[in-house]
Amino acid sequence: MTMKTILIPSEQHEMFGSILATAELFARRFDSYMEGLAAWPSFASFVAVDPMGAAAIPRDTWQDAELANKTRAAFESFMKERGIAAAGTPRKGLSYGWSEGEPVADSFVASRGRVFDITVVGRPSSTSASPRMSTLEAALFESGRPILIAPPQPPTSLGDNVVIAWNQSSETARTVALAMPILAKAKQVTVLTIEGGIVPGPTGRELADMLTVNGIAANELTKSSDGASTGQAILANAAELGADLIVKGAYTQSRIRQMIFGGATSHLLWATELPIFMAN
């Protein structure tokens, strides 16, 4: 099993460069094909309503096309600067391509992602100049595939030193299974368990033992949260270990509960400075 196809929903925002750099690092590990796709907010999120009446003001499709062309130019310029070739037919090896057509909404990003091994998105922010949570959640919940979350600053390495944020849940178990190609290439793998941030299930020691059977020399580490939230403790320990990637299952608690009370997934999505491999 490997990760040969990568989808990159593309928008002109302040994190686009970091998303591309994160995708490139991942692609070089697996000699992968990367495809850019112009992505826009859903229709309802940006169609204005005429204040003098009930009619919606039509989108400016010419402007959409112009922005898509600029996004594509930035995407292709990045690839060429890195010496990455445009894909031929069939698509093989480290290469890139672009999905033709008008910008698409988040629902189509998720649909398109179903035929890719992974989708790369940016860490969301509440500002309009940053990646949108709606794109991340569409890819995470509707594609059926894992996502890779890029941090605000471009990483210098990815997948050499991996921390598995193990909470003993089925969500994280599935994520670990999907991450096996990454773990197999890693130089260091740590199964990190935060006390108090777990559900009933196999321990971190048990997971590390099974990874070893698969040829992955994993270490086990159980740490106290020291008064911090589970999400804060995961990020602090990952940074202390020098990790360049976190593997984490998404939303063991319900999303609504996490929105109200907080949770490890929510904290990581909004606060991480490291790339995160995530699935649900």
C-alpha atoms as a PDB file:
ATOM      1  CA  MET A   1       0.000   0.000   0.000  1.00  0.00           C
ATOM      2  CA  THR A   2       1.254   3.483  -0.837  1.00  0.00           C
ATOM      3  CA  MET A   3       0.098   7.069  -1.347  1.00  0.00           C
ATOM      4  CA  LYS A   4       0.417   7.792  -5.060  1.00  0.00           C
ATOM      5  CA  THR A   5      -2.352  10.340  -5.658  1.00  0.00           C
ATOM      6  CA  ILE A   6      -2.791  13.643  -3.822  1.00  0.00           C
ATOM      7  CA  LEU A   7      -5.629  16.151  -4.236  1.00  0.00           C
ATOM      8  CA  ILE A   8      -4.918  19.799  -3.403  1.00  0.00           C
ATOM      9  CA  PRO A   9      -7.983  22.084  -3.136  1.00  0.00           C
ATOM     10  CA  SER A  10      -6.508  25.415  -4.211  1.00  0.00           C
ATOM     11  CA  GLU A  11      -7.389  28.987  -3.259  1.00  0.00           C
ATOM     12  CA  GLN A  12      -5.435  32.221  -3.150  1.00  0.00           C
ATOM     13  CA  HIS A  13      -4.927  32.802   0.570  1.00  0.00           C
ATOM     14  CA  GLU A  14      -2.038  33.384   2.959  1.00  0.00           C
ATOM     15  CA  MET A  15      -1.455  29.652   3.562  1.00  0.00           C
ATOM     16  CA  PHE A  16      -1.479  28.441  -0.038  1.00  0.00           C
ATOM     17  CA  GLY A  17       2.322  28.279  -0.147  1.00  0.00           C
ATOM     18  CA  SER A  18       2.472  26.148   3.001  1.00  0.00           C
ATOM     19  CA  ILE A  19      -0.201  23.794   1.644  1.00  0.00           C
ATOM     20  CA  LEU A  20       1.787  23.302  -1.558  1.00  0.00           C
ATOM     21  CA  ALA A  21       5.060  22.819   0.352  1.00  0.00           C
ATOM     22  CA  THR A  22       3.436  20.249   2.651  1.00  0.00           C
ATOM     23  CA  ALA A  23       1.965  18.383  -0.314  1.00  0.00           C
ATOM     24  CA  GLU A  24       5.341  18.417  -2.074  1.00  0.00           C
ATOM     25  CA  LEU A  25       7.154  16.900   0.914  1.00  0.00           C
ATOM     26  CA  PHE A  26       4.535  14.174   1.112  1.00  0.00           C
ATOM     27  CA  ALA A  27       4.639  13.544  -2.632  1.00  0.00           C
ATOM     28  CA  ARG A  28       8.417  13.180  -2.672  1.00  0.00           C
ATOM     29  CA  ARG A  29       8.200  10.417  -0.059  1.00  0.00           C
ATOM     30  CA  PHE A  30       5.911   8.351  -2.262  1.00  0.00           C
ATOM     31  CA  ASP A  31       6.794   9.562  -5.776  1.00  0.00           C
ATOM     32  CA  SER A  32       3.217  10.791  -6.077  1.00  0.00           C
ATOM     33  CA  TYR A  33       1.002  12.622  -8.547  1.00  0.00           C
ATOM     34  CA  MET A  34      -0.474  15.910  -7.236  1.00  0.00           C
ATOM     35  CA  GLU A  35      -3.625  17.452  -8.685  1.00  0.00           C
ATOM     36  CA  GLY A  36      -4.759  21.006  -8.059  1.00  0.00           C
ATOM     37  CA  LEU A  37      -8.442  21.883  -7.969  1.00  0.00           C
ATOM     38  CA  ALA A  38      -9.812  25.428  -7.812  1.00  0.00           C
ATOM     39  CA  ALA A  39     -12.057  25.525  -4.740  1.00  0.00           C
ATOM     40  CA  TRP A  40     -14.456  28.246  -3.723  1.00  0.00           C
ATOM     41  CA  PRO A  41     -16.859  28.690  -0.770  1.00  0.00           C
ATOM     42  CA  SER A  42     -20.262  27.087  -1.215  1.00  0.00           C
ATOM     43  CA  PHE A  43     -22.840  29.101  -3.148  1.00  0.00           C
ATOM     44  CA  ALA A  44     -24.777  30.043  -0.009  1.00  0.00           C
ATOM     45  CA  SER A  45     -21.704  31.453   1.711  1.00  0.00           C
ATOM     46  CA  PHE A  46     -20.919  34.140  -0.821  1.00  0.00           C
ATOM     47  CA  VAL A  47     -24.042  34.985  -2.832  1.00  0.00           C
ATOM     48  CA  ALA A  48     -25.213  38.434  -1.799  1.00  0.00           C
ATOM     49  CA  VAL A  49     -28.842  39.471  -1.547  1.00  0.00           C
ATOM     50  CA  ASP A  50     -30.102  42.724  -3.044  1.00  0.00           C
ATOM     51  CA  PRO A  51     -30.914  44.968  -0.034  1.00  0.00           C
ATOM     52  CA  MET A  52     -33.797  46.516  -2.024  1.00  0.00           C
ATOM     53  CA  GLY A  53     -35.480  43.189  -2.630  1.00  0.00           C
ATOM     54  CA  ALA A  54     -35.390  39.455  -2.102  1.00  0.00           C
ATOM     55  CA  ALA A  55     -33.482  38.583  -5.262  1.00  0.00           C
ATOM     56  CA  ALA A  56     -30.004  37.118  -4.998  1.00  0.00           C
ATOM     57  CA  ILE A  57     -27.270  38.969  -6.827  1.00  0.00           C
ATOM     58  CA  PRO A  58     -25.731  36.589  -9.387  1.00  0.00           C
ATOM     59  CA  ARG A  59     -22.130  35.568  -8.997  1.00  0.00           C
ATOM     60  CA  ASP A  60     -19.612  37.165 -11.301  1.00  0.00           C
ATOM     61  CA  THR A  61     -18.587  34.082 -13.275  1.00  0.00           C
ATOM     62  CA  TRP A  62     -15.963  36.047 -15.194  1.00  0.00           C
ATOM     63  CA  GLN A  63     -14.311  37.000 -11.913  1.00  0.00           C
ATOM     64  CA  ASP A  64     -14.514  33.368 -10.780  1.00  0.00           C
ATOM     65  CA  ALA A  65     -12.709  32.267 -13.923  1.00  0.00           C
ATOM     66  CA  GLU A  66     -10.086  34.978 -13.504  1.00  0.00           C
ATOM     67  CA  LEU A  67      -9.376  33.970  -9.901  1.00  0.00           C
ATOM     68  CA  ALA A  68      -9.219  30.309 -10.909  1.00  0.00           C
ATOM     69  CA  ASN A  69      -6.683  31.147 -13.607  1.00  0.00           C
ATOM     70  CA  LYS A  70      -4.533  33.059 -11.106  1.00  0.00           C
ATOM     71  CA  THR A  71      -4.732  30.167  -8.640  1.00  0.00           C
ATOM     72  CA  ARG A  72      -3.735  27.694 -11.332  1.00  0.00           C
ATOM     73  CA  ALA A  73      -0.824  29.911 -12.369  1.00  0.00           C
ATOM     74  CA  ALA A  74       0.424  30.054  -8.766  1.00  0.00           C
ATOM     75  CA  PHE A  75       0.049  26.266  -8.422  1.00  0.00           C
ATOM     76  CA  GLU A  76       1.926  25.514 -11.644  1.00  0.00           C
ATOM     77  CA  SER A  77       4.615  28.106 -10.917  1.00  0.00           C
ATOM     78  CA  PHE A  78       5.323  26.440  -7.561  1.00  0.00           C
ATOM     79  CA  MET A  79       5.650  23.020  -9.186  1.00  0.00           C
ATOM     80  CA  LYS A  80       7.957  24.256 -11.934  1.00  0.00           C
ATOM     81  CA  GLU A  81      10.178  26.086  -9.439  1.00  0.00           C
ATOM     82  CA  ARG A  82      10.574  22.794  -7.544  1.00  0.00           C
ATOM     83  CA  GLY A  83      11.524  20.928 -10.706  1.00  0.00           C
ATOM     84  CA  ILE A  84       8.341  18.837 -10.720  1.00  0.00           C
ATOM     85  CA  ALA A  85       7.149  17.830 -14.180  1.00  0.00           C
ATOM     86  CA  ALA A  86       3.633  18.061 -15.548  1.00  0.00           C
ATOM     87  CA  ALA A  87       2.034  14.635 -15.628  1.00  0.00           C
ATOM     88  CA  GLY A  88       1.954  12.650 -18.830  1.00  0.00           C
ATOM     89  CA  THR A  89      -0.370   9.827 -19.845  1.00  0.00           C
ATOM     90  CA  PRO A  90      -0.525   7.623 -17.904  1.00  0.00           C
ATOM     91  CA  ARG A  91       0.253   9.647 -14.791  1.00  0.00           C
ATOM     92  CA  LYS A  92       3.371   8.128 -13.233  1.00  0.00           C
ATOM     93  CA  GLY A  93       5.941   9.228 -10.680  1.00  0.00           C
ATOM     94  CA  LEU A  94       6.397  12.611  -9.026  1.00  0.00           C
ATOM     95  CA  SER A  95       4.291  14.948 -11.162  1.00  0.00           C
ATOM     96  CA  TYR A  96       1.419  17.402 -11.129  1.00  0.00           C
ATOM     97  CA  GLY A  97      -1.780  18.192 -12.975  1.00  0.00           C
ATOM     98  CA  TRP A  98      -4.739  20.540 -12.778  1.00  0.00           C
ATOM     99  CA  SER A  99      -8.438  19.737 -12.739  1.00  0.00           C
ATOM    100  CA  GLU A 100     -10.002  21.777 -15.537  1.00  0.00           C
ATOM    101  CA  GLY A 101     -13.201  23.737 -15.056  1.00  0.00           C
ATOM    102  CA  GLU A 102     -14.742  26.475 -12.950  1.00  0.00           C
ATOM    103  CA  PRO A 103     -14.045  26.735  -9.210  1.00  0.00           C
ATOM    104  CA  VAL A 104     -15.965  24.144  -7.220  1.00  0.00           C
ATOM    105  CA  ALA A 105     -17.700  24.138  -3.833  1.00  0.00           C
ATOM    106  CA  ASP A 106     -16.590  22.101  -0.838  1.00  0.00           C
ATOM    107  CA  SER A 107     -19.037  19.295  -1.625  1.00  0.00           C
ATOM    108  CA  PHE A 108     -17.310  18.662  -4.950  1.00  0.00           C
ATOM    109  CA  VAL A 109     -13.899  18.749  -3.260  1.00  0.00           C
ATOM    110  CA  ALA A 110     -15.094  15.878  -1.070  1.00  0.00           C
ATOM    111  CA  SER A 111     -16.542  14.007  -4.041  1.00  0.00           C
ATOM    112  CA  ARG A 112     -13.367  14.377  -6.102  1.00  0.00           C
ATOM    113  CA  GLY A 113     -11.295  13.318  -3.093  1.00  0.00           C
ATOM    114  CA  ARG A 114     -12.901   9.870  -3.101  1.00  0.00           C
ATOM    115  CA  VAL A 115     -10.641   8.742  -5.948  1.00  0.00           C
ATOM    116  CA  PHE A 116      -7.419  10.110  -4.414  1.00  0.00           C
ATOM    117  CA  ASP A 117      -5.292   8.513  -1.711  1.00  0.00           C
ATOM    118  CA  ILE A 118      -5.231  11.715   0.341  1.00  0.00           C
ATOM    119  CA  THR A 119      -6.365  15.358   0.267  1.00  0.00           C
ATOM    120  CA  VAL A 120      -4.091  18.148   1.530  1.00  0.00           C
ATOM    121  CA  VAL A 121      -5.788  21.113   3.216  1.00  0.00           C
ATOM    122  CA  GLY A 122      -4.631  24.021   5.357  1.00  0.00           C
ATOM    123  CA  ARG A 123      -5.094  24.603   9.070  1.00  0.00           C
ATOM    124  CA  PRO A 124      -8.334  26.591   9.277  1.00  0.00           C
ATOM    125  CA  SER A 125      -8.699  30.085  10.628  1.00  0.00           C
ATOM    126  CA  SER A 126     -11.577  32.464  11.213  1.00  0.00           C
ATOM    127  CA  THR A 127     -10.062  35.117   8.918  1.00  0.00           C
ATOM    128  CA  SER A 128     -11.154  35.395   5.287  1.00  0.00           C
ATOM    129  CA  ALA A 129      -7.520  35.233   4.140  1.00  0.00           C
ATOM    130  CA  SER A 130      -7.033  31.715   5.542  1.00  0.00           C
ATOM    131  CA  PRO A 131      -8.230  28.172   4.740  1.00  0.00           C
ATOM    132  CA  ARG A 132     -11.856  27.419   5.608  1.00  0.00           C
ATOM    133  CA  MET A 133     -12.986  24.799   8.118  1.00  0.00           C
ATOM    134  CA  SER A 134     -15.777  23.853   5.708  1.00  0.00           C
ATOM    135  CA  THR A 135     -13.257  22.596   3.139  1.00  0.00           C
ATOM    136  CA  LEU A 136     -11.388  20.556   5.741  1.00  0.00           C
ATOM    137  CA  GLU A 137     -14.552  18.993   7.149  1.00  0.00           C
ATOM    138  CA  ALA A 138     -15.946  18.197   3.697  1.00  0.00           C
ATOM    139  CA  ALA A 139     -12.768  16.311   2.798  1.00  0.00           C
ATOM    140  CA  LEU A 140     -12.572  14.660   6.219  1.00  0.00           C
ATOM    141  CA  PHE A 141     -16.167  13.465   6.495  1.00  0.00           C
ATOM    142  CA  GLU A 142     -17.360  13.059   2.909  1.00  0.00           C
ATOM    143  CA  SER A 143     -14.387  11.800   0.887  1.00  0.00           C
ATOM    144  CA  GLY A 144     -13.912   8.517   2.751  1.00  0.00           C
ATOM    145  CA  ARG A 145     -10.154   9.150   2.547  1.00  0.00           C
ATOM    146  CA  PRO A 146      -7.610  10.639   4.951  1.00  0.00           C
ATOM    147  CA  ILE A 147      -6.525  14.254   4.918  1.00  0.00           C
ATOM    148  CA  LEU A 148      -3.182  15.925   5.561  1.00  0.00           C
ATOM    149  CA  ILE A 149      -3.451  19.260   7.362  1.00  0.00           C
ATOM    150  CA  ALA A 150      -0.722  21.765   6.538  1.00  0.00           C
ATOM    151  CA  PRO A 151       0.453  24.147   9.300  1.00  0.00           C
ATOM    152  CA  PRO A 152       0.698  27.922   8.785  1.00  0.00           C
ATOM    153  CA  GLN A 153       4.458  27.788   8.160  1.00  0.00           C
ATOM    154  CA  PRO A 154       5.884  25.412   5.533  1.00  0.00           C
ATOM    155  CA  PRO A 155       7.459  22.372   7.227  1.00  0.00           C
ATOM    156  CA  THR A 156      11.060  21.430   6.487  1.00  0.00           C
ATOM    157  CA  SER A 157      10.469  17.693   6.888  1.00  0.00           C
ATOM    158  CA  LEU A 158       7.460  15.411   7.030  1.00  0.00           C
ATOM    159  CA  GLY A 159       7.112  11.801   8.117  1.00  0.00           C
ATOM    160  CA  ASP A 160      10.584  11.175   9.536  1.00  0.00           C
ATOM    161  CA  ASN A 161       9.534  11.531  13.191  1.00  0.00           C
ATOM    162  CA  VAL A 162       5.883  10.571  13.657  1.00  0.00           C
ATOM    163  CA  VAL A 163       3.770  10.820  16.804  1.00  0.00           C
ATOM    164  CA  ILE A 164       0.570   8.772  16.954  1.00  0.00           C
ATOM    165  CA  ALA A 165      -1.901  10.521  19.268  1.00  0.00           C
ATOM    166  CA  TRP A 166      -3.386   7.287  20.627  1.00  0.00           C
ATOM    167  CA  ASN A 167      -6.647   7.516  22.572  1.00  0.00           C
ATOM    168  CA  GLN A 168      -7.588   3.824  22.158  1.00  0.00           C
ATOM    169  CA  SER A 169     -10.594   4.664  19.945  1.00  0.00           C
ATOM    170  CA  SER A 170     -11.817   3.021  16.752  1.00  0.00           C
ATOM    171  CA  GLU A 171     -11.387   6.356  14.916  1.00  0.00           C
ATOM    172  CA  THR A 172      -7.696   6.478  15.748  1.00  0.00           C
ATOM    173  CA  ALA A 173      -7.289   2.756  15.053  1.00  0.00           C
ATOM    174  CA  ARG A 174      -8.605   3.286  11.520  1.00  0.00           C
ATOM    175  CA  THR A 175      -6.364   6.317  11.062  1.00  0.00           C
ATOM    176  CA  VAL A 176      -3.305   4.312  12.116  1.00  0.00           C
ATOM    177  CA  ALA A 177      -4.232   1.619   9.586  1.00  0.00           C
ATOM    178  CA  LEU A 178      -4.481   4.223   6.814  1.00  0.00           C
ATOM    179  CA  ALA A 179      -1.154   5.727   7.917  1.00  0.00           C
ATOM    180  CA  MET A 180       0.801   2.461   7.666  1.00  0.00           C
ATOM    181  CA  PRO A 181       2.656   3.509   4.461  1.00  0.00           C
ATOM    182  CA  ILE A 182       3.834   6.627   6.304  1.00  0.00           C
ATOM    183  CA  LEU A 183       4.808   4.742   9.451  1.00  0.00           C
ATOM    184  CA  ALA A 184       6.749   2.184   7.411  1.00  0.00           C
ATOM    185  CA  LYS A 185       8.985   4.953   6.007  1.00  0.00           C
ATOM    186  CA  ALA A 186       9.442   6.849   9.289  1.00  0.00           C
ATOM    187  CA  LYS A 187      12.754   6.897  11.145  1.00  0.00           C
ATOM    188  CA  GLN A 188      11.025   7.263  14.516  1.00  0.00           C
ATOM    189  CA  VAL A 189       7.463   6.424  15.607  1.00  0.00           C
ATOM    190  CA  THR A 190       6.084   7.223  19.061  1.00  0.00           C
ATOM    191  CA  VAL A 191       2.707   6.037  20.327  1.00  0.00           C
ATOM    192  CA  LEU A 192       1.689   8.888  22.641  1.00  0.00           C
ATOM    193  CA  THR A 193      -1.108   8.428  25.174  1.00  0.00           C
ATOM    194  CA  ILE A 194      -2.313  11.321  27.328  1.00  0.00           C
ATOM    195  CA  GLU A 195      -3.725  10.188  30.669  1.00  0.00           C
ATOM    196  CA  GLY A 196      -7.384  11.091  30.962  1.00  0.00           C
ATOM    197  CA  GLY A 197      -7.755  11.556  27.206  1.00  0.00           C
ATOM    198  CA  ILE A 198      -8.677   7.976  26.333  1.00  0.00           C
ATOM    199  CA  VAL A 199     -11.655   5.699  25.821  1.00  0.00           C
ATOM    200  CA  PRO A 200     -11.773   1.970  26.700  1.00  0.00           C
ATOM    201  CA  GLY A 201      -9.548   0.017  24.338  1.00  0.00           C
ATOM    202  CA  PRO A 202      -6.058  -1.381  23.714  1.00  0.00           C
ATOM    203  CA  THR A 203      -3.208   0.482  25.373  1.00  0.00           C
ATOM    204  CA  GLY A 204      -0.441   2.362  23.656  1.00  0.00           C
ATOM    205  CA  ARG A 205       1.931  -0.448  24.595  1.00  0.00           C
ATOM    206  CA  GLU A 206      -0.286  -2.941  22.797  1.00  0.00           C
ATOM    207  CA  LEU A 207      -0.384  -0.786  19.660  1.00  0.00           C
ATOM    208  CA  ALA A 208       3.395  -0.323  19.714  1.00  0.00           C
ATOM    209  CA  ASP A 209       3.857  -4.097  20.013  1.00  0.00           C
ATOM    210  CA  MET A 210       1.610  -4.758  17.007  1.00  0.00           C
ATOM    211  CA  LEU A 211       3.387  -2.105  14.948  1.00  0.00           C
ATOM    212  CA  THR A 212       6.669  -3.836  15.751  1.00  0.00           C
ATOM    213  CA  VAL A 213       5.245  -7.091  14.379  1.00  0.00           C
ATOM    214  CA  ASN A 214       4.599  -5.144  11.160  1.00  0.00           C
ATOM    215  CA  GLY A 215       8.248  -4.104  11.013  1.00  0.00           C
ATOM    216  CA  ILE A 216       7.735  -0.627  12.493  1.00  0.00           C
ATOM    217  CA  ALA A 217       9.960   0.018  15.507  1.00  0.00           C
ATOM    218  CA  ALA A 218       7.548   2.071  17.606  1.00  0.00           C
ATOM    219  CA  ASN A 219       8.141   3.488  21.075  1.00  0.00           C
ATOM    220  CA  GLU A 220       5.346   3.916  23.632  1.00  0.00           C
ATOM    221  CA  LEU A 221       4.982   7.000  25.796  1.00  0.00           C
ATOM    222  CA  THR A 222       2.249   7.739  28.341  1.00  0.00           C
ATOM    223  CA  LYS A 223       2.163  11.266  29.731  1.00  0.00           C
ATOM    224  CA  SER A 224       0.093  13.285  32.164  1.00  0.00           C
ATOM    225  CA  SER A 225      -1.674  16.342  30.810  1.00  0.00           C
ATOM    226  CA  ASP A 226      -0.280  18.387  33.729  1.00  0.00           C
ATOM    227  CA  GLY A 227      -3.460  20.428  33.897  1.00  0.00           C
ATOM    228  CA  ALA A 228      -3.589  21.174  30.182  1.00  0.00           C
ATOM    229  CA  SER A 229      -6.276  19.958  27.812  1.00  0.00           C
ATOM    230  CA  THR A 230      -5.634  16.721  25.930  1.00  0.00           C
ATOM    231  CA  GLY A 231      -5.136  18.647  22.698  1.00  0.00           C
ATOM    232  CA  GLN A 232      -2.642  21.008  24.308  1.00  0.00           C
ATOM    233  CA  ALA A 233      -0.765  18.062  25.824  1.00  0.00           C
ATOM    234  CA  ILE A 234      -0.566  16.284  22.459  1.00  0.00           C
ATOM    235  CA  LEU A 235       0.922  19.332  20.750  1.00  0.00           C
ATOM    236  CA  ALA A 236       3.343  20.053  23.606  1.00  0.00           C
ATOM    237  CA  ASN A 237       4.645  16.487  23.740  1.00  0.00           C
ATOM    238  CA  ALA A 238       4.882  16.207  19.961  1.00  0.00           C
ATOM    239  CA  ALA A 239       6.972  19.382  19.881  1.00  0.00           C
ATOM    240  CA  GLU A 240       9.181  18.101  22.704  1.00  0.00           C
ATOM    241  CA  LEU A 241       9.773  14.872  20.771  1.00  0.00           C
ATOM    242  CA  GLY A 242      10.771  16.831  17.673  1.00  0.00           C
ATOM    243  CA  ALA A 243       7.918  15.333  15.655  1.00  0.00           C
ATOM    244  CA  ASP A 244       7.320  16.437  12.080  1.00  0.00           C
ATOM    245  CA  LEU A 245       3.928  14.706  11.750  1.00  0.00           C
ATOM    246  CA  ILE A 246       1.032  13.836  14.064  1.00  0.00           C
ATOM    247  CA  VAL A 247      -1.313  10.946  13.277  1.00  0.00           C
ATOM    248  CA  LYS A 248      -4.712  11.495  14.899  1.00  0.00           C
ATOM    249  CA  GLY A 249      -8.215  10.085  14.542  1.00  0.00           C
ATOM    250  CA  ALA A 250     -10.913  12.728  14.242  1.00  0.00           C
ATOM    251  CA  TYR A 251     -13.736  13.480  16.652  1.00  0.00           C
ATOM    252  CA  THR A 252     -14.070  10.588  19.098  1.00  0.00           C
ATOM    253  CA  GLN A 253     -16.632  12.880  20.769  1.00  0.00           C
ATOM    254  CA  SER A 254     -19.432  14.282  18.612  1.00  0.00           C
ATOM    255  CA  ARG A 255     -18.602  17.406  16.628  1.00  0.00           C
ATOM    256  CA  ILE A 256     -21.434  19.302  18.352  1.00  0.00           C
ATOM    257  CA  ARG A 257     -20.079  18.416  21.791  1.00  0.00           C
ATOM    258  CA  GLN A 258     -16.571  19.489  20.750  1.00  0.00           C
ATOM    259  CA  MET A 259     -17.920  22.794  19.410  1.00  0.00           C
ATOM    260  CA  ILE A 260     -19.567  23.491  22.775  1.00  0.00           C
ATOM    261  CA  PHE A 261     -17.124  22.002  25.269  1.00  0.00           C
ATOM    262  CA  GLY A 262     -13.930  21.678  23.257  1.00  0.00           C
ATOM    263  CA  GLY A 263     -11.954  18.537  22.542  1.00  0.00           C
ATOM    264  CA  ALA A 264      -8.589  17.257  21.362  1.00  0.00           C
ATOM    265  CA  THR A 265      -9.531  17.252  17.678  1.00  0.00           C
ATOM    266  CA  SER A 266     -10.891  20.798  17.763  1.00  0.00           C
ATOM    267  CA  HIS A 267      -7.810  22.123  19.528  1.00  0.00           C
ATOM    268  CA  LEU A 268      -5.438  20.449  17.085  1.00  0.00           C
ATOM    269  CA  LEU A 269      -7.358  21.710  14.049  1.00  0.00           C
ATOM    270  CA  TRP A 270      -7.157  25.329  15.174  1.00  0.00           C
ATOM    271  CA  ALA A 271      -3.776  25.393  16.935  1.00  0.00           C
ATOM    272  CA  THR A 272      -1.336  22.936  15.364  1.00  0.00           C
ATOM    273  CA  GLU A 273       2.041  24.132  14.122  1.00  0.00           C
ATOM    274  CA  LEU A 274       2.825  20.633  12.794  1.00  0.00           C
ATOM    275  CA  PRO A 275       1.339  18.694   9.871  1.00  0.00           C
ATOM    276  CA  ILE A 276      -1.439  16.308  10.925  1.00  0.00           C
ATOM    277  CA  PHE A 277      -2.561  13.121   9.179  1.00  0.00           C
ATOM    278  CA  MET A 278      -6.209  12.650  10.090  1.00  0.00           C
ATOM    279  CA  ALA A 279      -9.148  10.398   9.202  1.00  0.00           C
ATOM    280  CA  ASN A 280     -12.610   9.742  10.533  1.00  0.00           C
END
